[in-house]
């Protein structure tokens, strides 16, 4: 499915777990068990909080070279969160589900602000970069 940098974070769900899994498999994603857990969590949680899961998946695929780079392989970092250079793999998560939750908290803060919806509120802690989002972008970055 074509994605554009003007697509909104918030919106109706596009795509499916099956399509995302097929893409990841064809792309040669590593740690595929966690990729699958990540994708399933994204497609379960994102629609409940009005985030388009396709945006989460596209960002993660882009930031991790389709789940093949060291950020993903070493730390299950789904979106380069906290990475400052090619040698810093930044923050890590214990599994694909936690990685998905951390990324969605981050996206929510950019799009809507620091007050999380009830379905996302329990997962504030998995985003260690939540306080690094510049105040000028909190709730003001819809894409």
N, C-alpha and C. Protein backbone atom coordinates (compact mmCIF):
# COMPACT_ATOMS: atom_id res chain seq x y z
N UNK A 1 0.85 -1.17 0.00
CA UNK A 1 0.00 0.00 0.00
C UNK A 1 0.89 1.23 0.00
N UNK A 2 0.62 2.16 -0.87
CA UNK A 2 1.46 3.36 -0.91
C UNK A 2 1.27 4.22 0.33
N UNK A 3 2.38 4.73 0.84
CA UNK A 3 2.35 5.62 1.99
C UNK A 3 3.01 6.92 1.57
N UNK A 4 2.50 8.02 2.14
CA UNK A 4 3.06 9.33 1.86
C UNK A 4 3.43 10.00 3.18
N UNK A 5 4.40 10.89 3.14
CA UNK A 5 4.78 11.58 4.38
C UNK A 5 3.73 12.58 4.82
N UNK A 6 2.67 12.74 4.05
CA UNK A 6 1.57 13.61 4.44
C UNK A 6 0.40 12.82 5.05
N UNK A 7 0.52 11.50 5.11
CA UNK A 7 -0.54 10.69 5.72
C UNK A 7 -0.60 10.97 7.21
N UNK A 8 -1.81 11.07 7.74
CA UNK A 8 -2.01 11.36 9.16
C UNK A 8 -1.76 10.14 10.04
N UNK A 9 -1.18 10.40 11.20
CA UNK A 9 -0.99 9.35 12.21
C UNK A 9 -2.35 8.82 12.64
N UNK A 10 -3.27 9.73 12.91
CA UNK A 10 -4.61 9.34 13.34
C UNK A 10 -5.48 9.12 12.11
N UNK A 11 -6.25 8.06 12.14
CA UNK A 11 -7.13 7.81 11.00
C UNK A 11 -7.63 6.38 10.99
N UNK A 12 -8.48 6.12 10.03
CA UNK A 12 -9.06 4.79 9.86
C UNK A 12 -7.95 3.78 9.56
N UNK A 13 -8.12 2.57 10.07
CA UNK A 13 -7.12 1.54 9.84
C UNK A 13 -7.01 1.17 8.36
N UNK A 14 -5.78 1.03 7.91
CA UNK A 14 -5.51 0.53 6.57
C UNK A 14 -4.66 -0.73 6.69
N UNK A 15 -4.85 -1.62 5.74
CA UNK A 15 -4.06 -2.84 5.73
C UNK A 15 -4.54 -3.84 6.76
N UNK A 16 -3.76 -4.89 6.91
CA UNK A 16 -4.10 -5.97 7.84
C UNK A 16 -2.83 -6.63 8.36
N UNK A 17 -2.99 -7.39 9.42
CA UNK A 17 -1.87 -8.15 9.96
C UNK A 17 -1.32 -9.07 8.87
N UNK A 18 -2.19 -9.74 8.15
CA UNK A 18 -1.74 -10.68 7.12
C UNK A 18 -0.90 -9.98 6.06
N UNK A 19 -1.34 -8.80 5.63
CA UNK A 19 -0.57 -8.06 4.62
C UNK A 19 0.78 -7.61 5.17
N UNK A 20 0.78 -7.14 6.40
CA UNK A 20 2.03 -6.68 7.01
C UNK A 20 2.99 -7.85 7.22
N UNK A 21 2.48 -8.98 7.66
CA UNK A 21 3.32 -10.16 7.83
C UNK A 21 3.90 -10.63 6.51
N UNK A 22 3.08 -10.61 5.48
CA UNK A 22 3.55 -11.00 4.15
C UNK A 22 4.67 -10.08 3.68
N UNK A 23 4.49 -8.78 3.89
CA UNK A 23 5.53 -7.81 3.53
C UNK A 23 6.81 -8.08 4.30
N UNK A 24 6.70 -8.25 5.61
CA UNK A 24 7.88 -8.47 6.45
C UNK A 24 8.61 -9.75 6.06
N UNK A 25 7.86 -10.78 5.80
CA UNK A 25 8.46 -12.06 5.39
C UNK A 25 9.21 -11.89 4.07
N UNK A 26 8.56 -11.27 3.10
CA UNK A 26 9.18 -11.06 1.78
C UNK A 26 10.41 -10.16 1.87
N UNK A 27 10.40 -9.22 2.81
CA UNK A 27 11.52 -8.29 2.97
C UNK A 27 12.70 -8.92 3.72
N UNK A 28 12.50 -10.11 4.28
CA UNK A 28 13.57 -10.78 5.01
C UNK A 28 13.76 -10.28 6.43
N UNK A 29 12.68 -9.86 7.08
CA UNK A 29 12.76 -9.35 8.44
C UNK A 29 13.44 -10.36 9.36
N UNK A 30 14.25 -9.85 10.27
CA UNK A 30 14.94 -10.69 11.25
C UNK A 30 14.16 -10.67 12.56
N UNK A 31 14.45 -11.66 13.39
CA UNK A 31 13.72 -11.84 14.65
C UNK A 31 12.22 -11.85 14.35
N UNK A 32 11.88 -12.67 13.39
CA UNK A 32 10.52 -12.67 12.86
C UNK A 32 9.46 -12.95 13.92
N UNK A 33 9.79 -13.76 14.91
CA UNK A 33 8.80 -14.01 15.97
C UNK A 33 8.39 -12.70 16.64
N UNK A 34 9.35 -11.80 16.86
CA UNK A 34 9.03 -10.51 17.47
C UNK A 34 8.39 -9.55 16.47
N UNK A 35 8.76 -9.65 15.22
CA UNK A 35 8.08 -8.85 14.19
C UNK A 35 6.60 -9.22 14.18
N UNK A 36 6.33 -10.51 14.22
CA UNK A 36 4.92 -10.95 14.21
C UNK A 36 4.19 -10.44 15.45
N UNK A 37 4.80 -10.53 16.59
CA UNK A 37 4.18 -10.04 17.82
C UNK A 37 3.96 -8.53 17.75
N UNK A 38 4.95 -7.81 17.20
CA UNK A 38 4.84 -6.37 17.01
C UNK A 38 3.65 -6.04 16.11
N UNK A 39 3.58 -6.68 14.96
CA UNK A 39 2.51 -6.38 14.00
C UNK A 39 1.14 -6.72 14.55
N UNK A 40 1.03 -7.83 15.23
CA UNK A 40 -0.28 -8.21 15.82
C UNK A 40 -0.72 -7.18 16.86
N UNK A 41 0.22 -6.72 17.68
CA UNK A 41 -0.13 -5.72 18.70
C UNK A 41 -0.51 -4.40 18.04
N UNK A 42 0.21 -3.99 17.01
CA UNK A 42 -0.11 -2.76 16.31
C UNK A 42 -1.53 -2.82 15.75
N UNK A 43 -1.87 -3.93 15.08
CA UNK A 43 -3.19 -4.01 14.46
C UNK A 43 -4.30 -4.27 15.47
N UNK A 44 -3.94 -4.68 16.69
CA UNK A 44 -4.95 -4.80 17.74
C UNK A 44 -5.17 -3.47 18.45
N UNK A 45 -4.09 -2.82 18.87
CA UNK A 45 -4.20 -1.62 19.70
C UNK A 45 -4.45 -0.33 18.91
N UNK A 46 -3.77 -0.15 17.81
CA UNK A 46 -3.86 1.13 17.08
C UNK A 46 -5.30 1.53 16.72
N UNK A 47 -6.11 0.64 16.17
CA UNK A 47 -7.48 1.06 15.83
C UNK A 47 -8.31 1.47 17.06
N UNK A 48 -7.98 0.92 18.23
CA UNK A 48 -8.72 1.27 19.45
C UNK A 48 -8.39 2.68 19.93
N UNK A 49 -7.29 3.24 19.45
CA UNK A 49 -6.90 4.60 19.87
C UNK A 49 -6.87 5.55 18.68
N UNK A 50 -7.50 5.14 17.59
CA UNK A 50 -7.63 5.98 16.38
C UNK A 50 -6.31 6.28 15.68
N UNK A 51 -5.31 5.43 15.88
CA UNK A 51 -4.07 5.52 15.10
C UNK A 51 -4.20 4.55 13.94
N UNK A 52 -3.82 4.99 12.76
CA UNK A 52 -3.81 4.12 11.59
C UNK A 52 -2.64 3.15 11.74
N UNK A 53 -2.91 1.85 11.88
CA UNK A 53 -1.81 0.91 12.07
C UNK A 53 -0.82 0.88 10.91
N UNK A 54 -1.28 1.21 9.72
CA UNK A 54 -0.38 1.23 8.57
C UNK A 54 0.73 2.27 8.75
N UNK A 55 0.43 3.38 9.44
CA UNK A 55 1.44 4.41 9.71
C UNK A 55 2.51 3.85 10.65
N UNK A 56 2.08 3.16 11.69
CA UNK A 56 3.01 2.57 12.66
C UNK A 56 3.92 1.57 11.95
N UNK A 57 3.33 0.72 11.15
CA UNK A 57 4.09 -0.31 10.43
C UNK A 57 5.05 0.33 9.43
N UNK A 58 4.57 1.31 8.68
CA UNK A 58 5.42 1.97 7.69
C UNK A 58 6.61 2.67 8.35
N UNK A 59 6.35 3.38 9.45
CA UNK A 59 7.44 4.05 10.14
C UNK A 59 8.46 3.03 10.64
N UNK A 60 7.98 1.96 11.23
CA UNK A 60 8.89 0.95 11.75
C UNK A 60 9.70 0.30 10.63
N UNK A 61 9.04 -0.05 9.55
CA UNK A 61 9.74 -0.68 8.42
C UNK A 61 10.82 0.27 7.88
N UNK A 62 10.50 1.53 7.75
CA UNK A 62 11.45 2.52 7.25
C UNK A 62 12.63 2.68 8.21
N UNK A 63 12.33 2.85 9.48
CA UNK A 63 13.37 3.13 10.48
C UNK A 63 14.28 1.94 10.77
N UNK A 64 13.83 0.72 10.47
CA UNK A 64 14.61 -0.47 10.80
C UNK A 64 15.08 -1.25 9.56
N UNK A 65 14.98 -0.61 8.39
CA UNK A 65 15.31 -1.32 7.15
C UNK A 65 14.53 -2.64 7.08
N UNK A 66 13.22 -2.51 7.24
CA UNK A 66 12.32 -3.67 7.19
C UNK A 66 12.66 -4.71 8.26
N UNK A 67 12.96 -4.22 9.45
CA UNK A 67 13.26 -5.05 10.62
C UNK A 67 14.51 -5.91 10.40
N UNK A 68 15.52 -5.32 9.74
CA UNK A 68 16.77 -6.05 9.50
C UNK A 68 17.98 -5.36 10.10
N UNK A 69 17.86 -4.12 10.59
CA UNK A 69 19.05 -3.42 11.06
C UNK A 69 19.35 -3.75 12.52
N UNK A 70 20.46 -3.21 12.99
CA UNK A 70 20.92 -3.52 14.34
C UNK A 70 20.01 -2.96 15.43
N UNK A 71 19.35 -1.83 15.17
CA UNK A 71 18.43 -1.29 16.19
C UNK A 71 17.36 -2.32 16.52
N UNK A 72 16.85 -2.96 15.49
CA UNK A 72 15.82 -3.99 15.70
C UNK A 72 16.46 -5.27 16.24
N UNK A 73 17.54 -5.71 15.61
CA UNK A 73 18.13 -7.00 15.99
C UNK A 73 18.66 -7.04 17.41
N UNK A 74 19.27 -5.96 17.84
CA UNK A 74 19.86 -5.97 19.18
C UNK A 74 18.90 -5.53 20.27
N UNK A 75 17.99 -4.60 19.94
CA UNK A 75 17.18 -3.99 21.00
C UNK A 75 15.67 -4.01 20.75
N UNK A 76 15.25 -4.54 19.62
CA UNK A 76 13.83 -4.49 19.25
C UNK A 76 13.32 -3.04 19.27
N UNK A 77 14.19 -2.13 18.83
CA UNK A 77 13.81 -0.72 18.74
C UNK A 77 13.06 -0.56 17.41
N UNK A 78 11.76 -0.28 17.46
CA UNK A 78 10.95 -0.30 16.25
C UNK A 78 11.01 0.95 15.39
N UNK A 79 11.60 2.03 15.92
CA UNK A 79 11.53 3.28 15.17
C UNK A 79 12.74 4.19 15.40
N UNK A 80 13.87 3.61 15.73
CA UNK A 80 15.05 4.43 15.95
C UNK A 80 14.92 5.38 17.12
N UNK A 81 14.09 5.04 18.07
CA UNK A 81 13.82 5.93 19.19
C UNK A 81 15.06 6.07 20.08
N UNK A 82 15.57 7.30 20.18
CA UNK A 82 16.73 7.59 21.00
C UNK A 82 18.05 7.37 20.31
N UNK A 83 18.05 6.96 19.05
CA UNK A 83 19.30 6.72 18.33
C UNK A 83 19.93 8.06 17.98
N UNK A 84 21.21 8.20 18.31
CA UNK A 84 21.91 9.45 18.02
C UNK A 84 22.97 9.30 16.94
N UNK A 85 23.41 8.07 16.67
CA UNK A 85 24.37 7.83 15.60
C UNK A 85 24.30 6.37 15.19
N UNK A 86 25.11 5.97 14.24
CA UNK A 86 25.06 4.59 13.73
C UNK A 86 25.53 3.55 14.73
N UNK A 87 26.21 3.96 15.79
CA UNK A 87 26.73 3.00 16.76
C UNK A 87 25.87 2.92 18.02
N UNK A 88 24.94 3.84 18.14
CA UNK A 88 24.08 3.90 19.32
C UNK A 88 22.75 3.23 18.96
N UNK A 89 22.48 2.10 19.54
CA UNK A 89 21.23 1.40 19.25
C UNK A 89 20.13 1.79 20.22
N UNK A 90 20.44 2.72 21.08
CA UNK A 90 19.47 3.40 21.95
C UNK A 90 18.69 2.45 22.82
N UNK A 91 17.39 2.70 22.86
CA UNK A 91 16.52 2.00 23.79
C UNK A 91 16.09 0.65 23.25
N UNK A 92 15.79 -0.24 24.18
CA UNK A 92 15.34 -1.56 23.79
C UNK A 92 14.08 -1.96 24.50
N UNK A 93 13.43 -2.93 23.95
CA UNK A 93 12.20 -3.48 24.50
C UNK A 93 12.35 -4.99 24.60
N UNK A 94 11.66 -5.62 25.54
CA UNK A 94 11.84 -7.05 25.75
C UNK A 94 11.16 -7.93 24.70
N UNK A 95 10.18 -7.37 23.99
CA UNK A 95 9.46 -8.18 23.01
C UNK A 95 8.74 -7.27 22.02
N UNK A 96 8.18 -7.88 21.00
CA UNK A 96 7.51 -7.13 19.95
C UNK A 96 6.31 -6.33 20.43
N UNK A 97 5.55 -6.90 21.37
CA UNK A 97 4.38 -6.17 21.87
C UNK A 97 4.78 -4.88 22.57
N UNK A 98 5.79 -4.96 23.43
CA UNK A 98 6.24 -3.76 24.15
C UNK A 98 6.80 -2.73 23.19
N UNK A 99 7.51 -3.19 22.18
CA UNK A 99 8.05 -2.26 21.17
C UNK A 99 6.92 -1.53 20.47
N UNK A 100 5.86 -2.24 20.13
CA UNK A 100 4.71 -1.62 19.46
C UNK A 100 4.05 -0.59 20.37
N UNK A 101 3.89 -0.92 21.63
CA UNK A 101 3.25 0.00 22.57
C UNK A 101 4.09 1.26 22.75
N UNK A 102 5.40 1.10 22.88
CA UNK A 102 6.27 2.26 23.03
C UNK A 102 6.21 3.18 21.82
N UNK A 103 6.21 2.60 20.64
CA UNK A 103 6.13 3.41 19.43
C UNK A 103 4.79 4.13 19.33
N UNK A 104 3.70 3.45 19.71
CA UNK A 104 2.38 4.10 19.61
C UNK A 104 2.22 5.21 20.64
N UNK A 105 2.78 5.06 21.83
CA UNK A 105 2.76 6.15 22.80
C UNK A 105 3.46 7.36 22.20
N UNK A 106 4.60 7.13 21.61
CA UNK A 106 5.38 8.22 21.00
C UNK A 106 4.58 8.93 19.91
N UNK A 107 3.99 8.16 19.03
CA UNK A 107 3.19 8.74 17.94
C UNK A 107 1.99 9.51 18.49
N UNK A 108 1.34 8.97 19.51
CA UNK A 108 0.19 9.65 20.10
C UNK A 108 0.59 11.02 20.65
N UNK A 109 1.71 11.05 21.36
CA UNK A 109 2.15 12.33 21.94
C UNK A 109 2.40 13.36 20.84
N UNK A 110 3.02 12.95 19.77
CA UNK A 110 3.21 13.88 18.65
C UNK A 110 1.88 14.35 18.09
N UNK A 111 0.95 13.43 17.88
CA UNK A 111 -0.30 13.78 17.20
C UNK A 111 -1.33 14.45 18.10
N UNK A 112 -1.46 14.00 19.36
CA UNK A 112 -2.55 14.47 20.21
C UNK A 112 -2.13 15.12 21.51
N UNK A 113 -0.95 14.83 22.01
CA UNK A 113 -0.51 15.42 23.27
C UNK A 113 -0.19 14.37 24.32
N UNK A 114 0.10 14.84 25.51
CA UNK A 114 0.57 13.95 26.58
C UNK A 114 -0.53 13.20 27.31
N UNK A 115 -1.78 13.61 27.15
CA UNK A 115 -2.87 12.88 27.79
C UNK A 115 -3.22 11.69 26.90
N UNK A 116 -2.97 10.50 27.42
CA UNK A 116 -3.18 9.29 26.63
C UNK A 116 -4.59 8.76 26.79
N UNK A 117 -5.12 8.13 25.74
CA UNK A 117 -6.42 7.48 25.88
C UNK A 117 -6.29 6.28 26.83
N UNK A 118 -7.39 5.88 27.43
CA UNK A 118 -7.34 4.83 28.44
C UNK A 118 -6.71 3.53 27.94
N UNK A 119 -6.92 3.18 26.68
CA UNK A 119 -6.35 1.94 26.15
C UNK A 119 -4.83 2.02 26.01
N UNK A 120 -4.27 3.22 25.96
CA UNK A 120 -2.84 3.40 25.79
C UNK A 120 -2.14 3.81 27.08
N UNK A 121 -2.88 4.37 28.02
CA UNK A 121 -2.30 4.90 29.26
C UNK A 121 -1.42 3.89 30.02
N UNK A 122 -1.80 2.61 30.09
CA UNK A 122 -0.94 1.68 30.83
C UNK A 122 0.44 1.48 30.22
N UNK A 123 0.63 1.96 29.01
CA UNK A 123 1.88 1.70 28.29
C UNK A 123 2.78 2.93 28.18
N UNK A 124 2.55 3.93 29.02
CA UNK A 124 3.39 5.13 28.98
C UNK A 124 4.86 4.79 29.22
N UNK A 125 5.13 3.92 30.15
CA UNK A 125 6.51 3.60 30.51
C UNK A 125 7.31 2.98 29.37
N UNK A 126 6.74 2.17 28.47
CA UNK A 126 7.57 1.61 27.40
C UNK A 126 8.16 2.64 26.43
N UNK A 127 7.78 3.90 26.53
CA UNK A 127 8.38 4.92 25.66
C UNK A 127 9.37 5.75 26.47
N UNK A 128 10.65 5.36 26.49
CA UNK A 128 11.62 6.12 27.28
C UNK A 128 11.94 7.49 26.68
N UNK A 129 11.50 7.75 25.48
CA UNK A 129 11.77 9.03 24.82
C UNK A 129 10.58 9.98 24.88
N UNK A 130 9.57 9.65 25.63
CA UNK A 130 8.36 10.47 25.65
C UNK A 130 8.62 11.90 26.11
N UNK A 131 9.57 12.09 27.00
CA UNK A 131 9.85 13.43 27.50
C UNK A 131 10.81 14.20 26.60
N UNK A 132 11.38 13.53 25.60
CA UNK A 132 12.33 14.20 24.69
C UNK A 132 11.62 14.86 23.51
N UNK A 133 10.32 14.65 23.38
CA UNK A 133 9.58 15.27 22.28
C UNK A 133 9.51 16.77 22.56
N UNK A 134 9.98 17.60 21.63
CA UNK A 134 9.96 19.05 21.85
C UNK A 134 8.54 19.56 22.10
N UNK A 135 8.41 20.44 23.08
CA UNK A 135 7.10 20.97 23.45
C UNK A 135 6.37 21.57 22.25
N UNK A 136 7.10 22.16 21.33
CA UNK A 136 6.47 22.78 20.16
C UNK A 136 5.83 21.75 19.22
N UNK A 137 6.20 20.48 19.40
CA UNK A 137 5.64 19.43 18.53
C UNK A 137 4.60 18.56 19.24
N UNK A 138 4.51 18.65 20.54
CA UNK A 138 3.56 17.84 21.30
C UNK A 138 2.14 18.22 20.90
N UNK A 139 1.40 17.26 20.38
CA UNK A 139 0.03 17.48 19.98
C UNK A 139 -0.13 18.31 18.72
N UNK A 140 0.96 18.60 18.06
CA UNK A 140 0.90 19.50 16.89
C UNK A 140 1.55 18.90 15.65
N UNK A 141 1.80 17.60 15.68
CA UNK A 141 2.48 16.95 14.57
C UNK A 141 1.58 15.80 14.07
N UNK A 142 0.64 16.10 13.22
CA UNK A 142 -0.34 15.09 12.83
C UNK A 142 0.16 14.05 11.83
N UNK A 143 1.30 14.32 11.17
CA UNK A 143 1.77 13.38 10.15
C UNK A 143 3.07 12.74 10.53
